[in-house]
């Protein structure tokens, strides 16, 4: 039986709502939060999604999280083709055990959902379920290309806080810590150098009046590939946010644009404290200010 039909059979048997093979195992520690990592990549597939899985599975429990990973959250009919793409880019396949659907039934099994995605990991109805779940008190988080996701659904852009516009080459930038008291600022010091692929966001829906910015980059440290790219990507307000939070109803959202390089995911000294600090805030394990940041005045 092909991977496609095996996955479809399992989904049908589960009533098209949950996938028993991908359901989280009972937590050994009742205090642990249940984290779902979704790496469905309908667009560009980052090789580091596999590193993200391995790292979170390994260190998640040490930080108080039981981790479930879904590589594919789309229509079962597209799994076989997707698995071929995923194997080509990452060296690993996608089987039924890596499948799940994000909807009102499956979301009940998790405390926080983390997107490391491109393309459309959910359909319109599932996005509504996710949004409603967050508003009711769920925690939603995104790393790197989570802002390179669901462009045709403006509610998602408002939920995550911004849409990706472009990026220069991987480089070392200087990080500005805008809220050093926030748990997600852990690991970073103001002016600290850090190397990754840095995103520039579209003018909308990004809005400091709706977001609490934790980290941004020093504009003077950002080098565009050439003058053409500078004209296309440079923000007039010189506002290059890296990480932020926002409250949505009773729920919370955390985002960081770090995470392109495998080395970032393996960085226990800096990235792990940053990521888990953000997740701890989103899940209510740690408190912090979430008030909107002031509009940035161009230098």
Foldseek 3Di string as FASTA:
>chain_A
DDLLVVLVVQCVVVVVAWRVLQFFDPDPDPQAFEEEEEAAAPDDRFLLVVLLVVLCCVCVVVLRYRYTAADAADRSNCQRVSQVVCCVNHVGGHGSSRYTHQALVRCVRGQEYEYPYAEERHDPRSVVRVLVVQLVAGFYEYEACQLNYDPVDVVSCVVQAFHFDDWADWDKFFKAFPDCPQQLCPLDDHRDIDTDTATFTDPPPHDLQFKAFGMFTQLVRGDHPDPVVCVRGPDPQSTGTAWIKGHRNNFIYIYGNDDRDSVLSVPPRHNVSNVSSRVCCRSVVDDDDTGRDDRGHHD
